[in-house]
Structure formats: structure tokens, C-alpha cells
Amino acid sequence: MTLRPWFPRQSLPLLAVLLLAACKPPGDAPDAARAPATPAPAATAEPATPAGQPADAAARKPEIPALQVATLDGDQYDLAARRGQWVVVNFWATWCAPCLKEMPELSALDALREHVEVIGLAYEEIDPAAMRAFLEKHPVVYPIAIIDVYAPPADFATPRGLPMTYLIGPDGKVARQFLGPVTAAEIEAAIAAAGGPQPGDSATEAS
């Protein structure tokens, strides 16, 4: 795996650890979304860089991100309509091995926790028919939307590696960001740390 050549060498240590945890195909983002990547080893996802660091592009994103996308089943998904829920926004691709490994966990989380919803954003160039065929072999219960790699959702940072996952709180704010594969247990722990239900609590206790 290689890092983009324009990163200053002295600013790489933490970023390098994060990128090694994720799929990152070679080339610029739009071209990379078309190419298979070498599967990366699973690793514990790291929290987002704290807001307030001026070099972090994510710090310039809205505190309450908007997301409106058409899902593969023809519905319109609006993140703003999910207030009161914990929402997992998962950027992924069919060629990303760690993405495929975490899909069953995300699907189980969506199915078993009424206070948690998952939305999968396929960050790649793929025909809807091909995606439907792929999902027949890798089914999930949560909705999937195919993202235009040349015009990704403006309120989220353009993925530098996959998978990239955002945990959105009931107030609509980003509670946690994960770069690299994440487990259902890690998401539930992040929810509890942010003041939400403890793992296994009922949805009626969600904040």
C-alpha cells in the first residue's frame, strides 16, 4: 500500500496507521473507485481526528451533515429524517475485502438494535444491476446507495481509504468516525460512550 506523494513526511505517523487499516487502491479517488484493491489486514478502527485541527479537512465539514441519496431499491434516503436514531453511515466497495467482512456485522446491528440504523454508500463505479447481483450473494438488511465518485456527499470527507464509517447521533451530529473495518461491538461501545444505550439495552432507552 502506498501513500499519496503529496503528504508531508513529517505529518504521516498517525495518518499512516489509519490508512494501513483500510482498503486504499492506487491512484486518485475517482480512478481508484474503479480498481480492485489488495485486501488489508483487519485492525481496530481509530477515532476521528479531533475537531479544531485546521489541517483536518473533516473539521471544515458541517457539524450536522446532510445526506440525501437514492437507494438501490428506488427509495429516497434522507439522514435528516432519522433524528432520534443512531445512524451508521458506511462508505464501502464491492472490491474491498475488509468492507465485505464487516457487512454481516453491520447487518446484524441494524436488525437487532431498534435504535440503530445503517446506510451503506457504495463508493465505486458499478452498474445497479451488477450491484443487485452482488447483494444477492452478500445480502444485508440495510439500504444501499451507489455514490458518484466524482460528486460524493458534500458534507462528508471524501474517503481516503475504505471502509470509512460515521456514527451519527440522535441529534444529527457526528459522534465518531472510523477508518478501517469496524465491528458491531465497537459501534455499540461508541454509542454508549457518547451517552446512548449500553450494549444490549432496549431501544426505548435510546437518547
C-alpha atoms as a PDB file:
ATOM      1  CA  MET A   1       0.000   0.000   0.000  1.00  0.00           C
ATOM      2  CA  THR A   2       1.327   3.384  -0.884  1.00  0.00           C
ATOM      3  CA  LEU A   3       0.594   6.825   0.480  1.00  0.00           C
ATOM      4  CA  ARG A   4      -0.170   9.764  -1.724  1.00  0.00           C
ATOM      5  CA  PRO A   5       3.083  11.526  -2.596  1.00  0.00           C
ATOM      6  CA  TRP A   6       1.866  14.979  -1.654  1.00  0.00           C
ATOM      7  CA  PHE A   7       1.516  14.260   2.036  1.00  0.00           C
ATOM      8  CA  PRO A   8       4.326  15.919   4.064  1.00  0.00           C
ATOM      9  CA  ARG A   9       6.518  13.168   5.503  1.00  0.00           C
ATOM     10  CA  GLN A  10       6.607  14.709   8.972  1.00  0.00           C
ATOM     11  CA  SER A  11       2.802  14.654   9.300  1.00  0.00           C
ATOM     12  CA  LEU A  12       2.351  10.997   8.430  1.00  0.00           C
ATOM     13  CA  PRO A  13       2.672   8.844  11.612  1.00  0.00           C
ATOM     14  CA  LEU A  14      -0.972   8.821  12.782  1.00  0.00           C
ATOM     15  CA  LEU A  15      -2.390   9.002   9.268  1.00  0.00           C
ATOM     16  CA  ALA A  16      -0.230   6.081   8.174  1.00  0.00           C
ATOM     17  CA  VAL A  17      -1.614   3.896  10.979  1.00  0.00           C
ATOM     18  CA  LEU A  18      -5.162   4.753   9.916  1.00  0.00           C
ATOM     19  CA  LEU A  19      -4.610   4.162   6.213  1.00  0.00           C
ATOM     20  CA  LEU A  20      -2.971   0.796   6.810  1.00  0.00           C
ATOM     21  CA  ALA A  21      -6.214  -0.319   8.456  1.00  0.00           C
ATOM     22  CA  ALA A  22      -8.251   0.274   5.317  1.00  0.00           C
ATOM     23  CA  CYS A  23      -8.538  -0.602   1.652  1.00  0.00           C
ATOM     24  CA  LYS A  24      -6.872   2.046  -0.478  1.00  0.00           C
ATOM     25  CA  PRO A  25      -6.450   1.364  -4.184  1.00  0.00           C
ATOM     26  CA  PRO A  26      -3.759   3.243  -6.121  1.00  0.00           C
ATOM     27  CA  GLY A  27      -4.402   6.495  -7.960  1.00  0.00           C
ATOM     28  CA  ASP A  28      -6.757   9.394  -7.396  1.00  0.00           C
ATOM     29  CA  ALA A  29     -10.101   8.729  -5.750  1.00  0.00           C
ATOM     30  CA  PRO A  30     -12.300   8.563  -8.880  1.00  0.00           C
ATOM     31  CA  ASP A  31      -9.921   6.170 -10.698  1.00  0.00           C
ATOM     32  CA  ALA A  32      -9.382   4.185  -7.525  1.00  0.00           C
ATOM     33  CA  ALA A  33     -13.094   3.588  -7.180  1.00  0.00           C
ATOM     34  CA  ARG A  34     -12.973   1.527 -10.377  1.00  0.00           C
ATOM     35  CA  ALA A  35      -9.980  -0.641  -9.487  1.00  0.00           C
ATOM     36  CA  PRO A  36      -9.725  -3.671  -7.172  1.00  0.00           C
ATOM     37  CA  ALA A  37      -7.550  -3.180  -4.118  1.00  0.00           C
ATOM     38  CA  THR A  38      -5.331  -5.595  -2.256  1.00  0.00           C
ATOM     39  CA  PRO A  39      -7.204  -6.688   0.894  1.00  0.00           C
ATOM     40  CA  ALA A  40      -5.812  -5.057   4.012  1.00  0.00           C
ATOM     41  CA  PRO A  41      -5.493  -6.815   7.358  1.00  0.00           C
ATOM     42  CA  ALA A  42      -8.258  -6.235   9.864  1.00  0.00           C
ATOM     43  CA  ALA A  43      -7.478  -3.662  12.531  1.00  0.00           C
ATOM     44  CA  THR A  44      -9.241  -1.795  15.277  1.00  0.00           C
ATOM     45  CA  ALA A  45     -10.795   1.351  13.875  1.00  0.00           C
ATOM     46  CA  GLU A  46      -9.490   4.621  15.227  1.00  0.00           C
ATOM     47  CA  PRO A  47     -11.493   7.680  16.274  1.00  0.00           C
ATOM     48  CA  ALA A  48     -11.643  10.685  14.040  1.00  0.00           C
ATOM     49  CA  THR A  49      -9.045  13.398  14.420  1.00  0.00           C
ATOM     50  CA  PRO A  50     -10.450  15.865  16.983  1.00  0.00           C
ATOM     51  CA  ALA A  51     -12.201  18.857  15.535  1.00  0.00           C
ATOM     52  CA  GLY A  52     -10.296  22.103  15.735  1.00  0.00           C
ATOM     53  CA  GLN A  53      -7.172  20.995  13.950  1.00  0.00           C
ATOM     54  CA  PRO A  54      -7.009  23.318  10.938  1.00  0.00           C
ATOM     55  CA  ALA A  55      -5.153  20.814   8.742  1.00  0.00           C
ATOM     56  CA  ASP A  56      -8.016  18.333   9.024  1.00  0.00           C
ATOM     57  CA  ALA A  57     -10.487  18.735   6.157  1.00  0.00           C
ATOM     58  CA  ALA A  58     -13.126  16.951   8.228  1.00  0.00           C
ATOM     59  CA  ALA A  59     -13.043  19.815  10.713  1.00  0.00           C
ATOM     60  CA  ARG A  60     -14.402  22.095   7.997  1.00  0.00           C
ATOM     61  CA  LYS A  61     -17.444  19.912   7.379  1.00  0.00           C
ATOM     62  CA  PRO A  62     -20.840  20.842   8.868  1.00  0.00           C
ATOM     63  CA  GLU A  63     -21.424  19.835  12.458  1.00  0.00           C
ATOM     64  CA  ILE A  64     -24.709  18.276  11.353  1.00  0.00           C
ATOM     65  CA  PRO A  65     -24.092  16.664   7.956  1.00  0.00           C
ATOM     66  CA  ALA A  66     -26.820  16.332   5.365  1.00  0.00           C
ATOM     67  CA  LEU A  67     -27.244  13.195   3.281  1.00  0.00           C
ATOM     68  CA  GLN A  68     -29.899  12.665   0.642  1.00  0.00           C
ATOM     69  CA  VAL A  69     -29.389   9.732  -1.720  1.00  0.00           C
ATOM     70  CA  ALA A  70     -31.426   7.397  -3.890  1.00  0.00           C
ATOM     71  CA  THR A  71     -31.121   3.824  -2.672  1.00  0.00           C
ATOM     72  CA  LEU A  72     -30.829   0.754  -4.863  1.00  0.00           C
ATOM     73  CA  ASP A  73     -34.450  -0.210  -4.137  1.00  0.00           C
ATOM     74  CA  GLY A  74     -35.713   3.104  -5.509  1.00  0.00           C
ATOM     75  CA  ASP A  75     -36.364   4.894  -2.221  1.00  0.00           C
ATOM     76  CA  GLN A  76     -35.039   8.293  -1.217  1.00  0.00           C
ATOM     77  CA  TYR A  77     -32.902   8.239   1.919  1.00  0.00           C
ATOM     78  CA  ASP A  78     -32.761  11.435   3.985  1.00  0.00           C
ATOM     79  CA  LEU A  79     -30.461  11.463   7.003  1.00  0.00           C
ATOM     80  CA  ALA A  80     -32.355  14.431   8.484  1.00  0.00           C
ATOM     81  CA  ALA A  81     -35.461  12.238   8.778  1.00  0.00           C
ATOM     82  CA  ARG A  82     -33.561   9.901  11.139  1.00  0.00           C
ATOM     83  CA  ARG A  83     -33.356  12.300  14.090  1.00  0.00           C
ATOM     84  CA  GLY A  84     -33.692  10.388  17.349  1.00  0.00           C
ATOM     85  CA  GLN A  85     -31.864   7.366  15.916  1.00  0.00           C
ATOM     86  CA  TRP A  86     -28.208   6.401  15.900  1.00  0.00           C
ATOM     87  CA  VAL A  87     -27.224   6.132  12.253  1.00  0.00           C
ATOM     88  CA  VAL A  88     -24.203   4.282  10.876  1.00  0.00           C
ATOM     89  CA  VAL A  89     -23.093   5.763   7.533  1.00  0.00           C
ATOM     90  CA  ASN A  90     -20.773   3.217   5.931  1.00  0.00           C
ATOM     91  CA  PHE A  91     -18.665   4.003   2.840  1.00  0.00           C
ATOM     92  CA  TRP A  92     -17.625   0.729   1.184  1.00  0.00           C
ATOM     93  CA  ALA A  93     -16.968  -1.005  -2.139  1.00  0.00           C
ATOM     94  CA  THR A  94     -17.504  -4.477  -3.556  1.00  0.00           C
ATOM     95  CA  TRP A  95     -13.758  -4.927  -4.177  1.00  0.00           C
ATOM     96  CA  CYS A  96     -12.798  -4.078  -0.590  1.00  0.00           C
ATOM     97  CA  ALA A  97     -12.227  -7.258   1.429  1.00  0.00           C
ATOM     98  CA  PRO A  98     -12.460  -5.600   4.893  1.00  0.00           C
ATOM     99  CA  CYS A  99     -15.732  -3.987   3.770  1.00  0.00           C
ATOM    100  CA  LEU A 100     -17.209  -7.370   2.917  1.00  0.00           C
ATOM    101  CA  LYS A 101     -16.034  -8.805   6.219  1.00  0.00           C
ATOM    102  CA  GLU A 102     -17.857  -6.148   8.251  1.00  0.00           C
ATOM    103  CA  MET A 103     -21.120  -6.232   6.249  1.00  0.00           C
ATOM    104  CA  PRO A 104     -22.690  -9.151   8.185  1.00  0.00           C
ATOM    105  CA  GLU A 105     -21.942  -7.396  11.491  1.00  0.00           C
ATOM    106  CA  LEU A 106     -23.467  -4.132  10.300  1.00  0.00           C
ATOM    107  CA  SER A 107     -26.498  -6.016   9.019  1.00  0.00           C
ATOM    108  CA  ALA A 108     -26.963  -7.790  12.351  1.00  0.00           C
ATOM    109  CA  LEU A 109     -26.571  -4.490  14.201  1.00  0.00           C
ATOM    110  CA  ASP A 110     -29.285  -2.899  12.064  1.00  0.00           C
ATOM    111  CA  ALA A 111     -31.589  -5.891  12.519  1.00  0.00           C
ATOM    112  CA  LEU A 112     -31.108  -6.419  16.260  1.00  0.00           C
ATOM    113  CA  ARG A 113     -30.900  -2.856  17.610  1.00  0.00           C
ATOM    114  CA  GLU A 114     -34.030  -0.801  17.040  1.00  0.00           C
ATOM    115  CA  HIS A 115     -32.245   2.425  17.963  1.00  0.00           C
ATOM    116  CA  VAL A 116     -29.547   1.891  15.291  1.00  0.00           C
ATOM    117  CA  GLU A 117     -29.897   2.254  11.514  1.00  0.00           C
ATOM    118  CA  VAL A 118     -27.258   1.555   8.877  1.00  0.00           C
ATOM    119  CA  ILE A 119     -26.944   3.082   5.404  1.00  0.00           C
ATOM    120  CA  GLY A 120     -24.354   1.657   3.007  1.00  0.00           C
ATOM    121  CA  LEU A 121     -22.784   4.045   0.490  1.00  0.00           C
ATOM    122  CA  ALA A 122     -21.071   2.106  -2.309  1.00  0.00           C
ATOM    123  CA  TYR A 123     -18.132   4.326  -3.279  1.00  0.00           C
ATOM    124  CA  GLU A 124     -17.331   2.919  -6.690  1.00  0.00           C
ATOM    125  CA  GLU A 125     -18.397   2.947 -10.325  1.00  0.00           C
ATOM    126  CA  ILE A 126     -20.740  -0.001 -10.690  1.00  0.00           C
ATOM    127  CA  ASP A 127     -23.923  -0.653 -12.623  1.00  0.00           C
ATOM    128  CA  PRO A 128     -27.070  -1.012 -10.441  1.00  0.00           C
ATOM    129  CA  ALA A 129     -27.773  -4.423 -11.967  1.00  0.00           C
ATOM    130  CA  ALA A 130     -24.271  -5.587 -11.068  1.00  0.00           C
ATOM    131  CA  MET A 131     -24.717  -4.287  -7.531  1.00  0.00           C
ATOM    132  CA  ARG A 132     -28.023  -6.121  -7.164  1.00  0.00           C
ATOM    133  CA  ALA A 133     -26.351  -9.328  -8.344  1.00  0.00           C
ATOM    134  CA  PHE A 134     -23.544  -8.775  -5.833  1.00  0.00           C
ATOM    135  CA  LEU A 135     -26.020  -8.229  -2.979  1.00  0.00           C
ATOM    136  CA  GLU A 136     -27.768 -11.497  -3.827  1.00  0.00           C
ATOM    137  CA  LYS A 137     -24.526 -13.190  -2.812  1.00  0.00           C
ATOM    138  CA  HIS A 138     -23.802 -10.784   0.061  1.00  0.00           C
ATOM    139  CA  PRO A 139     -27.251  -9.813   1.387  1.00  0.00           C
ATOM    140  CA  VAL A 140     -27.760  -7.115   4.010  1.00  0.00           C
ATOM    141  CA  VAL A 141     -30.932  -5.780   5.636  1.00  0.00           C
ATOM    142  CA  TYR A 142     -29.953  -2.106   5.410  1.00  0.00           C
ATOM    143  CA  PRO A 143     -30.348   0.109   2.322  1.00  0.00           C
ATOM    144  CA  ILE A 144     -27.533   0.548  -0.190  1.00  0.00           C
ATOM    145  CA  ALA A 145     -26.911   3.599  -2.373  1.00  0.00           C
ATOM    146  CA  ILE A 146     -24.336   3.870  -5.168  1.00  0.00           C
ATOM    147  CA  ILE A 147     -22.324   7.075  -4.766  1.00  0.00           C
ATOM    148  CA  ASP A 148     -20.989   9.137  -7.654  1.00  0.00           C
ATOM    149  CA  VAL A 149     -17.230   9.017  -7.044  1.00  0.00           C
ATOM    150  CA  TYR A 150     -16.848  12.348  -8.857  1.00  0.00           C
ATOM    151  CA  ALA A 151     -19.504  14.015  -6.670  1.00  0.00           C
ATOM    152  CA  PRO A 152     -19.600  12.258  -3.286  1.00  0.00           C
ATOM    153  CA  PRO A 153     -21.802  13.600  -0.460  1.00  0.00           C
ATOM    154  CA  ALA A 154     -20.511  17.109   0.201  1.00  0.00           C
ATOM    155  CA  ASP A 155     -20.968  17.046   3.977  1.00  0.00           C
ATOM    156  CA  PHE A 156     -18.715  14.004   4.454  1.00  0.00           C
ATOM    157  CA  ALA A 157     -14.973  13.861   3.809  1.00  0.00           C
ATOM    158  CA  THR A 158     -14.016  12.105   0.569  1.00  0.00           C
ATOM    159  CA  PRO A 159     -12.861   8.633   1.652  1.00  0.00           C
ATOM    160  CA  ARG A 160      -9.070   8.217   1.581  1.00  0.00           C
ATOM    161  CA  GLY A 161      -9.497   4.534   2.307  1.00  0.00           C
ATOM    162  CA  LEU A 162     -12.304   2.023   2.687  1.00  0.00           C
ATOM    163  CA  PRO A 163     -14.239   1.155   4.663  1.00  0.00           C
ATOM    164  CA  MET A 164     -14.934   4.526   6.256  1.00  0.00           C
ATOM    165  CA  THR A 165     -17.773   4.716   8.764  1.00  0.00           C
ATOM    166  CA  TYR A 166     -19.506   7.585  10.540  1.00  0.00           C
ATOM    167  CA  LEU A 167     -21.640   7.209  13.646  1.00  0.00           C
ATOM    168  CA  ILE A 168     -24.325   9.902  13.658  1.00  0.00           C
ATOM    169  CA  GLY A 169     -26.005  10.668  16.973  1.00  0.00           C
ATOM    170  CA  PRO A 170     -29.730  11.220  17.555  1.00  0.00           C
ATOM    171  CA  ASP A 171     -29.058  14.975  17.390  1.00  0.00           C
ATOM    172  CA  GLY A 172     -27.711  14.608  13.845  1.00  0.00           C
ATOM    173  CA  LYS A 173     -24.087  15.323  14.815  1.00  0.00           C
ATOM    174  CA  VAL A 174     -21.101  13.087  14.055  1.00  0.00           C
ATOM    175  CA  ALA A 175     -20.371  11.193  17.272  1.00  0.00           C
ATOM    176  CA  ARG A 176     -17.491   9.070  15.948  1.00  0.00           C
ATOM    177  CA  GLN A 177     -15.616   8.339  12.740  1.00  0.00           C
ATOM    178  CA  PHE A 178     -13.896   5.060  11.932  1.00  0.00           C
ATOM    179  CA  LEU A 179     -11.349   4.484   9.164  1.00  0.00           C
ATOM    180  CA  GLY A 180     -10.880   0.786   8.578  1.00  0.00           C
ATOM    181  CA  PRO A 181     -13.085  -2.187   9.436  1.00  0.00           C
ATOM    182  CA  VAL A 182     -15.334  -1.786  12.454  1.00  0.00           C
ATOM    183  CA  THR A 183     -17.293  -4.337  14.470  1.00  0.00           C
ATOM    184  CA  ALA A 184     -20.805  -4.110  15.865  1.00  0.00           C
ATOM    185  CA  ALA A 185     -19.304  -4.237  19.357  1.00  0.00           C
ATOM    186  CA  GLU A 186     -17.108  -1.205  18.627  1.00  0.00           C
ATOM    187  CA  ILE A 187     -20.083   0.759  17.331  1.00  0.00           C
ATOM    188  CA  GLU A 188     -22.182  -0.153  20.364  1.00  0.00           C
ATOM    189  CA  ALA A 189     -19.300   0.844  22.648  1.00  0.00           C
ATOM    190  CA  ALA A 190     -19.051   4.195  20.826  1.00  0.00           C
ATOM    191  CA  ILE A 191     -22.800   4.719  21.264  1.00  0.00           C
ATOM    192  CA  ALA A 192     -22.543   4.004  24.981  1.00  0.00           C
ATOM    193  CA  ALA A 193     -19.518   6.307  25.327  1.00  0.00           C
ATOM    194  CA  ALA A 194     -21.492   9.098  23.650  1.00  0.00           C
ATOM    195  CA  GLY A 195     -24.332   8.765  26.150  1.00  0.00           C
ATOM    196  CA  GLY A 196     -26.515   6.298  24.285  1.00  0.00           C
ATOM    197  CA  PRO A 197     -27.792   2.891  25.379  1.00  0.00           C
ATOM    198  CA  GLN A 198     -25.355   0.358  26.721  1.00  0.00           C
ATOM    199  CA  PRO A 199     -24.812  -2.715  24.532  1.00  0.00           C
ATOM    200  CA  GLY A 200     -27.918  -4.897  24.806  1.00  0.00           C
ATOM    201  CA  ASP A 201     -30.184  -2.143  26.146  1.00  0.00           C
ATOM    202  CA  SER A 202     -33.610  -1.770  24.581  1.00  0.00           C
ATOM    203  CA  ALA A 203     -34.381   0.899  22.011  1.00  0.00           C
ATOM    204  CA  THR A 204     -36.756   2.634  24.427  1.00  0.00           C
ATOM    205  CA  GLU A 205     -33.716   3.755  26.404  1.00  0.00           C
ATOM    206  CA  ALA A 206     -32.057   5.404  23.393  1.00  0.00           C
ATOM    207  CA  SER A 207     -31.308   9.072  23.807  1.00  0.00           C
END
